[in-house]
Protein backbone atom coordinates (compact mmCIF):
# COMPACT_ATOMS: atom_id res chain seq x y z
CA MET A 1 -61.30 -36.40 39.14
CA LYS A 2 -62.77 -33.34 40.79
CA THR A 3 -60.34 -30.69 41.94
CA ILE A 4 -60.33 -29.54 45.55
CA THR A 5 -61.78 -26.21 44.40
CA GLN A 6 -64.72 -27.98 42.74
CA ILE A 7 -65.32 -30.05 45.85
CA LEU A 8 -65.24 -26.96 48.09
CA SER A 9 -67.57 -25.10 45.74
CA LEU A 10 -70.04 -27.99 45.81
CA ALA A 11 -69.83 -28.16 49.60
CA LEU A 12 -70.42 -24.41 49.91
CA ILE A 13 -73.43 -24.53 47.58
CA THR A 14 -74.86 -27.44 49.57
CA ILE A 15 -74.41 -25.58 52.85
CA MET A 16 -75.96 -22.40 51.50
CA ALA A 17 -78.94 -24.47 50.38
CA LEU A 18 -79.75 -25.33 53.99
CA PRO A 19 -82.89 -23.68 55.43
CA THR A 20 -82.43 -19.95 55.82
CA MET A 21 -83.24 -20.15 59.51
CA ALA A 22 -80.04 -22.19 60.01
CA GLN A 23 -78.03 -19.06 59.29
CA ASN A 24 -80.12 -16.63 61.33
CA LYS A 25 -78.26 -17.61 64.47
CA ARG A 26 -74.73 -16.21 64.08
CA ASP A 27 -73.55 -16.13 67.72
CA LEU A 28 -72.65 -19.53 69.12
CA ASP A 29 -71.95 -20.79 72.62
CA ASN A 30 -68.31 -20.96 73.78
CA TYR A 31 -67.25 -19.06 70.67
CA ARG A 32 -65.00 -16.13 69.80
CA ASN A 33 -66.87 -13.80 67.48
CA PRO A 34 -65.04 -13.25 64.14
CA ASP A 35 -65.81 -9.52 64.14
CA GLN A 36 -65.08 -6.38 66.17
CA ARG A 37 -66.52 -7.99 69.32
CA GLY A 38 -63.72 -10.57 69.30
CA ILE A 39 -60.73 -8.23 69.16
CA SER A 40 -59.91 -8.31 72.89
CA GLN A 41 -60.80 -11.96 73.40
CA PHE A 42 -58.24 -14.72 73.70
CA GLU A 43 -59.48 -18.25 74.39
CA ALA A 44 -63.14 -18.65 73.47
CA PRO A 45 -65.27 -17.71 76.50
CA LYS A 46 -66.63 -20.47 78.70
CA ASP A 47 -70.39 -19.80 78.62
CA THR A 48 -72.63 -20.79 81.51
CA VAL A 49 -75.97 -20.61 79.68
CA SER A 50 -76.72 -22.93 76.77
CA THR A 51 -78.65 -21.81 73.67
CA TYR A 52 -78.53 -25.23 72.00
CA ASP A 53 -81.62 -26.09 69.93
CA GLY A 54 -80.28 -28.72 67.54
CA VAL A 55 -77.51 -29.13 64.99
CA HIS A 56 -76.55 -25.74 63.58
CA VAL A 57 -74.16 -24.84 60.75
CA ARG A 58 -72.54 -21.42 60.74
CA VAL A 59 -70.86 -20.46 57.46
CA GLY A 60 -68.31 -17.68 57.84
CA GLY A 61 -65.25 -16.34 56.14
CA ALA A 62 -62.82 -13.52 55.61
CA SER A 63 -61.36 -11.57 52.70
CA THR A 64 -58.42 -9.17 52.78
CA ILE A 65 -56.33 -7.15 50.34
CA GLN A 66 -53.40 -4.75 50.78
CA PHE A 67 -51.81 -1.91 48.87
CA GLN A 68 -48.06 -2.13 49.45
CA ALA A 69 -45.61 0.75 49.17
CA LEU A 70 -42.38 -0.60 50.68
CA ASP A 71 -38.69 -0.15 49.89
CA HIS A 72 -35.92 -2.57 50.84
CA GLU A 73 -32.15 -2.34 50.77
CA ASN A 74 -29.03 -4.04 52.07
CA SER A 75 -25.33 -3.11 52.19
CA GLY A 76 -24.84 -3.59 48.46
CA ASN A 77 -21.48 -5.18 49.22
CA GLU A 78 -19.95 -7.22 46.42
CA ALA A 79 -20.40 -10.40 48.48
CA THR A 80 -24.00 -9.58 49.49
CA PRO A 81 -26.84 -10.83 47.25
CA GLU A 82 -28.37 -8.06 45.14
CA LEU A 83 -32.03 -7.32 45.90
CA ILE A 84 -34.76 -7.15 43.29
CA GLU A 85 -36.51 -3.85 42.65
CA ILE A 86 -39.99 -3.55 44.15
CA GLY A 87 -42.61 -0.85 43.68
CA GLU A 88 -46.09 0.17 44.81
CA ASN A 89 -49.08 -1.97 43.95
CA PHE A 90 -51.76 -4.32 45.28
CA ASN A 91 -50.98 -7.72 46.74
CA LEU A 92 -52.92 -10.88 45.99
CA ALA A 93 -56.29 -10.84 47.74
CA THR A 94 -56.56 -13.58 50.35
CA ALA A 95 -59.69 -15.42 51.51
CA ASN A 96 -60.78 -17.90 54.19
CA LEU A 97 -63.81 -20.15 54.49
CA ASP A 98 -64.92 -21.07 58.03
CA LEU A 99 -67.38 -23.75 59.03
CA ASP A 100 -68.50 -23.87 62.67
CA VAL A 101 -70.96 -26.63 63.39
CA VAL A 102 -72.82 -27.07 66.68
CA LEU A 103 -73.05 -30.87 66.82
CA TYR A 104 -74.60 -31.21 70.27
CA ASP A 105 -75.11 -29.18 73.42
CA GLY A 106 -71.60 -28.02 74.34
CA VAL A 107 -69.95 -29.70 71.33
CA ARG A 108 -68.72 -27.67 68.36
CA MET A 109 -66.59 -28.39 65.31
CA HIS A 110 -64.44 -25.73 63.60
CA LEU A 111 -62.85 -26.03 60.16
CA ARG A 112 -60.88 -23.32 58.34
CA THR A 113 -59.93 -23.48 54.66
CA TYR A 114 -57.57 -21.01 53.00
CA LEU A 115 -59.21 -20.28 49.65
CA SER A 116 -56.34 -18.04 48.54
CA SER A 117 -53.02 -17.07 50.14
CA GLN A 118 -49.65 -15.65 49.15
CA HIS A 119 -47.94 -19.04 49.27
CA HIS A 120 -50.85 -21.20 48.07
CA PRO A 121 -53.12 -19.46 45.52
CA GLU A 122 -55.14 -22.70 45.40
CA ALA A 123 -57.53 -23.74 48.19
CA TRP A 124 -56.24 -25.91 51.02
CA VAL A 125 -57.36 -26.79 54.53
CA LYS A 126 -55.54 -25.05 57.39
CA GLY A 127 -56.99 -27.37 60.05
CA GLY A 128 -59.82 -27.86 62.47
CA TYR A 129 -60.88 -29.21 65.82
CA ILE A 130 -63.74 -30.42 67.94
CA GLN A 131 -64.35 -28.43 71.14
CA ILE A 132 -66.17 -30.12 74.02
CA ASP A 133 -67.58 -28.00 76.85
CA LYS A 134 -70.22 -30.50 78.00
CA LEU A 135 -70.50 -34.29 78.14
CA ASP A 136 -74.28 -34.43 77.78
CA PHE A 137 -73.85 -36.62 74.69
CA ILE A 138 -72.91 -39.42 77.11
CA SER A 139 -75.94 -38.75 79.29
CA GLU A 140 -77.69 -35.54 80.28
CA GLY A 141 -75.81 -33.81 83.09
CA PHE A 142 -72.87 -36.23 82.93
CA ALA A 143 -69.94 -34.81 84.97
CA GLU A 144 -71.76 -31.46 84.89
CA ASP A 145 -69.99 -29.98 87.92
CA LEU A 146 -66.61 -30.92 86.46
CA MET A 147 -67.35 -29.64 82.96
CA ASP A 148 -68.51 -26.28 84.31
CA ASN A 149 -64.78 -25.53 84.53
CA LEU A 150 -63.24 -27.83 81.90
CA ARG A 151 -62.88 -27.81 78.13
CA ILE A 152 -61.40 -30.36 75.73
CA LYS A 153 -60.08 -29.58 72.25
CA ILE A 154 -58.97 -32.30 69.85
CA GLY A 155 -57.89 -31.89 66.23
CA HIS A 156 -55.30 -30.99 63.63
CA MET A 157 -55.25 -27.45 64.91
CA GLU A 158 -53.46 -24.25 65.80
CA VAL A 159 -51.78 -24.99 69.13
CA ASN A 160 -52.40 -22.62 72.06
CA TYR A 161 -48.84 -21.52 72.75
CA GLY A 162 -48.68 -17.95 74.06
CA ASP A 163 -51.23 -15.18 73.60
CA ALA A 164 -49.67 -13.55 70.53
CA HIS A 165 -51.39 -15.96 68.14
CA PHE A 166 -54.77 -14.59 69.27
CA ARG A 167 -53.78 -11.12 67.97
CA ARG A 168 -52.10 -12.15 64.73
CA THR A 169 -53.41 -12.22 61.18
CA ASP A 170 -54.39 -15.72 60.03
CA ASN A 171 -54.23 -15.43 56.25
CA ALA A 172 -57.40 -13.43 55.44
CA MET A 173 -58.61 -13.18 59.05
CA SER A 174 -56.96 -9.92 60.12
CA LEU A 175 -59.61 -8.13 62.23
CA TYR A 176 -57.97 -9.23 65.49
CA ASN A 177 -54.62 -7.70 64.47
CA PRO A 178 -54.51 -3.90 64.92
CA PHE A 179 -51.54 -3.75 62.52
CA VAL A 180 -50.92 -5.17 59.06
CA GLY A 181 -47.85 -7.31 59.78
CA ASN A 182 -47.58 -10.01 62.45
CA TYR A 183 -44.89 -10.30 65.14
CA LEU A 184 -41.19 -10.75 64.33
CA MET A 185 -40.95 -14.29 65.72
CA ASP A 186 -44.38 -15.42 64.58
CA SER A 187 -45.06 -18.39 66.86
CA PHE A 188 -47.77 -20.33 65.04
CA THR A 189 -48.10 -23.94 63.98
CA THR A 190 -50.75 -26.58 63.38
CA GLU A 191 -50.26 -30.08 64.78
CA VAL A 192 -52.45 -33.07 65.61
CA GLY A 193 -53.12 -33.13 69.33
CA ALA A 194 -55.37 -32.47 72.28
CA GLU A 195 -55.63 -29.69 74.87
CA LEU A 196 -57.35 -29.79 78.26
CA TYR A 197 -58.47 -26.44 79.76
CA TYR A 198 -59.48 -25.33 83.22
CA PHE A 199 -61.36 -22.05 83.88
CA ASN A 200 -62.33 -20.72 87.32
CA ASN A 201 -63.06 -17.09 88.33
CA GLY A 202 -60.50 -15.59 85.97
CA TRP A 203 -57.86 -18.30 86.47
CA LEU A 204 -57.03 -20.47 83.50
CA GLY A 205 -54.80 -23.42 82.83
CA MET A 206 -54.11 -25.63 79.84
CA LEU A 207 -52.15 -28.84 79.24
CA GLY A 208 -51.62 -30.14 75.74
CA VAL A 209 -49.83 -32.82 73.77
CA THR A 210 -49.32 -33.12 70.01
CA ASN A 211 -47.57 -35.51 67.65
CA GLY A 212 -44.98 -32.80 66.89
CA LYS A 213 -45.68 -32.77 63.15
CA LEU A 214 -46.87 -30.02 60.85
CA ASN A 215 -46.87 -32.31 57.82
CA GLN A 216 -48.56 -35.55 58.77
CA SER A 217 -46.85 -38.82 57.86
CA VAL A 218 -46.44 -42.35 59.23
CA GLU A 219 -42.95 -42.64 57.72
CA ASN A 220 -39.67 -42.44 59.70
CA PRO A 221 -41.32 -42.92 63.10
CA ASP A 222 -38.01 -42.71 64.97
CA THR A 223 -37.39 -39.10 63.90
CA THR A 224 -40.25 -37.52 65.86
CA SER A 225 -41.38 -37.53 69.48
CA PRO A 226 -44.50 -35.90 70.98
CA SER A 227 -44.50 -32.19 71.74
CA PHE A 228 -45.87 -30.86 75.02
CA LEU A 229 -47.33 -27.44 75.80
CA ALA A 230 -48.87 -25.75 78.79
CA LYS A 231 -50.33 -22.38 79.76
CA ALA A 232 -51.34 -20.78 83.04
CA GLY A 233 -52.68 -17.33 83.76
CA TYR A 234 -55.26 -14.94 85.12
CA ASP A 235 -57.73 -12.76 83.19
CA ASN A 236 -60.33 -10.64 84.94
CA TYR A 237 -61.65 -7.13 85.54
CA ILE A 238 -59.97 -5.52 88.55
CA SER A 239 -62.53 -2.73 88.40
CA GLU A 240 -65.33 -1.74 86.04
CA ASP A 241 -62.90 -0.12 83.59
CA LEU A 242 -59.66 -2.02 84.26
CA ARG A 243 -59.00 -5.48 82.83
CA PHE A 244 -55.81 -7.37 83.67
CA ARG A 245 -54.49 -10.53 82.01
CA LEU A 246 -51.16 -12.26 82.54
CA THR A 247 -50.23 -15.65 81.10
CA GLY A 248 -47.17 -17.84 80.78
CA SER A 249 -46.80 -20.59 78.19
CA ILE A 250 -44.28 -23.29 77.32
CA TYR A 251 -43.76 -25.49 74.26
CA HIS A 252 -41.27 -28.37 74.26
CA THR A 253 -40.24 -30.90 71.66
CA ALA A 254 -37.38 -33.29 72.39
CA GLN A 255 -36.91 -34.66 68.90
CA THR A 256 -38.53 -33.86 65.60
CA ALA A 257 -37.50 -33.98 61.97
CA SER A 258 -38.52 -30.34 61.68
CA ALA A 259 -40.01 -28.08 64.38
CA TYR A 260 -42.26 -25.49 62.77
CA LEU A 261 -43.22 -23.29 65.72
CA TYR A 262 -41.65 -20.22 64.04
CA SER A 263 -42.27 -21.21 60.43
CA GLY A 264 -45.62 -22.98 60.60
CA ASP A 265 -47.68 -20.33 58.81
CA ARG A 266 -47.58 -21.40 55.19
CA SER A 267 -50.08 -18.79 54.04
CA GLY A 268 -47.41 -16.09 53.83
CA SER A 269 -46.50 -12.78 55.43
CA ARG A 270 -47.99 -9.38 54.63
CA TYR A 271 -44.75 -7.94 53.25
CA TYR A 272 -44.54 -9.30 49.72
CA SER A 273 -41.24 -9.85 47.83
CA ILE A 274 -38.98 -8.03 50.29
CA PHE A 275 -35.48 -9.46 50.65
CA THR A 276 -35.66 -11.47 47.47
CA ASP A 277 -32.51 -11.37 45.35
CA ILE A 278 -32.22 -11.09 41.58
CA ASP A 279 -31.91 -14.89 41.30
CA GLY A 280 -35.21 -15.42 43.11
CA ASN A 281 -33.66 -16.55 46.40
CA GLY A 282 -34.26 -14.98 49.80
CA ASP A 283 -36.99 -14.89 52.42
CA GLY A 284 -39.76 -15.91 50.05
CA PHE A 285 -43.32 -16.02 51.38
CA ARG A 286 -42.06 -15.68 54.98
CA ALA A 287 -40.45 -12.28 54.28
CA GLY A 288 -40.05 -10.05 57.33
CA ARG A 289 -40.34 -12.87 59.86
CA ILE A 290 -37.51 -14.26 61.96
CA ASN A 291 -37.12 -18.03 62.17
CA PRO A 292 -34.38 -19.16 64.63
CA ASN A 293 -34.18 -22.53 62.80
CA LEU A 294 -34.22 -24.57 66.01
CA ARG A 295 -35.63 -27.40 63.99
CA ASN A 296 -34.69 -30.62 65.80
CA GLU A 297 -35.20 -29.97 69.50
CA MET A 298 -36.55 -26.87 71.17
CA THR A 299 -37.99 -25.43 74.35
CA SER A 300 -39.78 -22.08 74.14
CA PHE A 301 -41.62 -20.08 76.73
CA MET A 302 -43.60 -16.87 76.44
CA ILE A 303 -44.98 -14.39 78.98
CA ASN A 304 -47.80 -12.07 77.92
CA PRO A 305 -49.22 -9.15 79.92
CA PHE A 306 -52.41 -7.49 78.72
CA LEU A 307 -53.98 -4.38 80.24
CA GLN A 308 -57.17 -2.66 79.15
CA PHE A 309 -58.33 0.59 80.70
CA GLY A 310 -61.23 2.26 78.95
CA GLY A 311 -60.11 2.62 75.34
CA LEU A 312 -56.42 2.08 76.14
CA GLU A 313 -54.80 -1.33 75.55
CA PHE A 314 -51.32 -2.65 76.26
CA PHE A 315 -50.06 -6.03 75.08
CA GLY A 316 -46.55 -7.36 75.62
CA ILE A 317 -44.34 -10.32 74.72
CA TYR A 318 -41.29 -11.75 76.38
CA GLU A 319 -40.24 -14.96 74.67
CA ARG A 320 -37.17 -17.18 74.90
CA ALA A 321 -36.46 -20.11 72.60
CA LYS A 322 -33.59 -22.53 73.08
CA GLY A 323 -32.64 -25.52 70.95
CA LYS A 324 -30.73 -26.64 67.89
CA ALA A 325 -30.97 -28.03 64.41
CA ALA A 326 -30.17 -31.69 63.73
CA ALA A 327 -26.61 -31.06 62.52
CA GLU A 328 -25.67 -28.79 65.44
CA ALA A 329 -23.78 -29.99 68.50
CA ASP A 330 -24.63 -27.05 70.79
CA GLU A 331 -27.88 -25.31 71.59
CA ARG A 332 -28.58 -21.72 70.56
CA THR A 333 -30.84 -19.16 72.24
CA TRP A 334 -33.15 -16.52 70.82
CA ASN A 335 -35.05 -13.80 72.69
CA HIS A 336 -38.11 -11.97 71.42
CA TYR A 337 -39.57 -8.80 72.94
CA ALA A 338 -42.62 -6.83 71.81
CA ALA A 339 -44.76 -4.04 73.26
CA GLU A 340 -47.82 -2.47 71.68
CA LEU A 341 -50.07 0.33 72.84
CA ILE A 342 -53.48 0.86 71.26
CA TYR A 343 -56.04 3.60 71.90
CA ARG A 344 -59.60 2.93 70.74
CA PHE A 345 -62.08 5.80 70.51
CA GLY A 346 -65.14 7.08 68.68
CA GLY A 347 -68.64 5.66 68.72
CA ASP A 348 -68.47 1.98 69.68
CA ASP A 349 -64.63 2.29 69.71
CA ASP A 350 -64.67 2.05 65.93
CA LEU A 351 -61.46 4.09 65.52
CA TYR A 352 -57.99 3.36 66.88
CA ILE A 353 -54.36 4.43 66.70
CA GLY A 354 -51.38 2.54 68.03
CA GLY A 355 -47.73 1.64 67.94
CA ARG A 356 -45.74 -1.57 68.28
CA TYR A 357 -42.00 -2.10 68.85
CA SER A 358 -40.43 -5.54 68.43
CA LEU A 359 -36.92 -6.88 68.92
CA ALA A 360 -35.51 -10.34 68.21
CA GLU A 361 -31.94 -11.30 69.03
CA GLY A 362 -30.01 -14.53 68.91
CA GLU A 363 -27.36 -16.69 67.33
CA LEU A 364 -27.46 -17.83 63.72
CA GLN A 365 -26.40 -21.33 62.72
CA SER A 366 -23.22 -19.70 61.43
CA GLY A 367 -22.37 -18.61 64.97
CA ASP A 368 -23.02 -14.89 64.35
CA ASP A 369 -24.99 -12.96 66.98
CA VAL A 370 -27.59 -10.76 65.30
CA ASP A 371 -30.61 -8.65 66.19
CA ILE A 372 -33.61 -7.37 64.29
CA ASN A 373 -35.90 -4.53 65.31
CA ARG A 374 -39.21 -3.39 63.90
CA PHE A 375 -41.35 -0.32 64.55
CA GLN A 376 -44.97 -0.22 63.42
CA LEU A 377 -47.34 2.73 63.62
CA GLY A 378 -50.95 1.96 62.79
CA ALA A 379 -54.46 3.32 62.59
CA GLY A 380 -57.78 1.68 61.85
CA TRP A 381 -61.47 2.32 61.24
CA PHE A 382 -64.20 -0.26 61.79
CA MET A 383 -66.66 0.87 59.13
CA THR A 384 -69.00 -1.80 60.54
CA LYS A 385 -68.26 -4.55 63.04
CA ASN A 386 -67.30 -6.77 60.06
CA ILE A 387 -65.32 -4.30 57.91
CA LEU A 388 -61.96 -2.80 58.91
CA MET A 389 -59.66 -0.38 57.10
CA LYS A 390 -56.04 -0.22 58.30
CA LEU A 391 -53.05 1.99 57.65
CA GLU A 392 -49.54 1.03 58.79
CA TYR A 393 -46.07 2.52 58.62
CA VAL A 394 -43.36 -0.11 59.19
CA ASN A 395 -39.59 0.18 59.61
CA GLN A 396 -37.49 -2.96 60.11
CA LYS A 397 -33.70 -3.21 60.44
CA TYR A 398 -31.32 -6.20 60.43
CA ASN A 399 -28.11 -5.76 62.43
CA ASP A 400 -24.79 -7.65 62.43
CA TYR A 401 -25.66 -10.19 59.74
CA PRO A 402 -22.57 -11.54 57.90
CA VAL A 403 -21.56 -9.88 54.66
CA THR A 404 -22.60 -12.90 52.56
CA ASP A 405 -26.14 -12.84 53.99
CA ILE A 406 -28.94 -11.09 52.09
CA HIS A 407 -29.81 -9.22 55.32
CA ASN A 408 -26.36 -7.64 55.72
CA ASP A 409 -27.10 -4.03 56.86
CA GLY A 410 -30.60 -4.66 55.61
CA LYS A 411 -33.76 -2.69 56.18
CA PHE A 412 -37.21 -2.17 54.73
CA ASN A 413 -39.78 0.53 55.38
CA GLY A 414 -42.85 2.17 53.96
CA LEU A 415 -46.64 2.17 54.05
CA MET A 416 -49.25 -0.59 53.96
CA VAL A 417 -52.99 -0.10 53.48
CA GLU A 418 -55.28 -3.04 54.20
CA ALA A 419 -59.00 -3.62 53.73
CA ALA A 420 -60.40 -6.55 55.71
CA ILE A 421 -63.79 -8.25 55.94
CA SER A 422 -64.72 -11.01 58.37
CA PHE A 423 -68.10 -12.54 59.18
């Protein structure tokens, strides 16, 4: 039996054997560019002019590697798990393979495969979707006036909750993230569902429904109900140099065997091996992230302001998650705050410096109220629009965790260097 790697290799060779002219066209309609041009984009733009000239296959990908120089420590109390020793070295290189296929005028398929990641060194499919911006496949001009403002996405895909997921690192795809690490409460998951969008003169709205599952199964049907999400906002230029965006999002699941909104990224964090004890237990591949463990029922909402003035950018997060795990009688609440300021300069804004402060606070399943704060200072250089070098200093502290928890008086800090390619 062929392995998945062999199958992917055969598929890639077949695709690359397509006529060379099929790859000459790299920019697609209704598409967020996977390079420097896409860094301040959120939802893929709704294009008004079509360039469709037949079925077109765009092969893309990303590759990233980091040099890590971090230290971690906790209270060292007799009841607190002892941390392993970590040093300075390179992390495992990660890689993505992207296929974007224009199937018809206004119809595009996207598929992303993780070729290598911290948690899965073998290749596996993240997910994909079909995006419909026109209904001309029914008949030319069908519902044209309606579809000028509408979009439909259907697939096993990354759900559009909040704006933070547009600025995070997705395994090897890290050009959109001005820092090395993602946000403290990293809201990201892939579920089977559909989203309906409305765009009109800067206003945007989205309604979505999913089956509430990260891991797909037809077993135990009574343990899961659909999840619902919605987003509304405004994104436009107030003047020639000033762009303003403000969105609000909500995600709700009434019953699920395991809600993965804050633990759905199985590729792994950027901070390797921190808060792992000498017995191999600890945070594992999700190190540095905060998961509230509201795994049975949950309602989360997020508000995101974004301002861009010349080379200056501000992005913010206010997020509140409320819910409980299956064995809990009462709901718990977590709050997440983040603010980042970036200044881009140089020819074509190919250099930047910035800072990000994040805070998460809430109640553990044990009943303890805790908070975690992180400060990141970063700088980057776009050597070309497809190649980015990053430098980050990070300092994260865990406060008020119980003495038996590995995070008791815990902190980690140090430097990260990352080289990223995306095309």
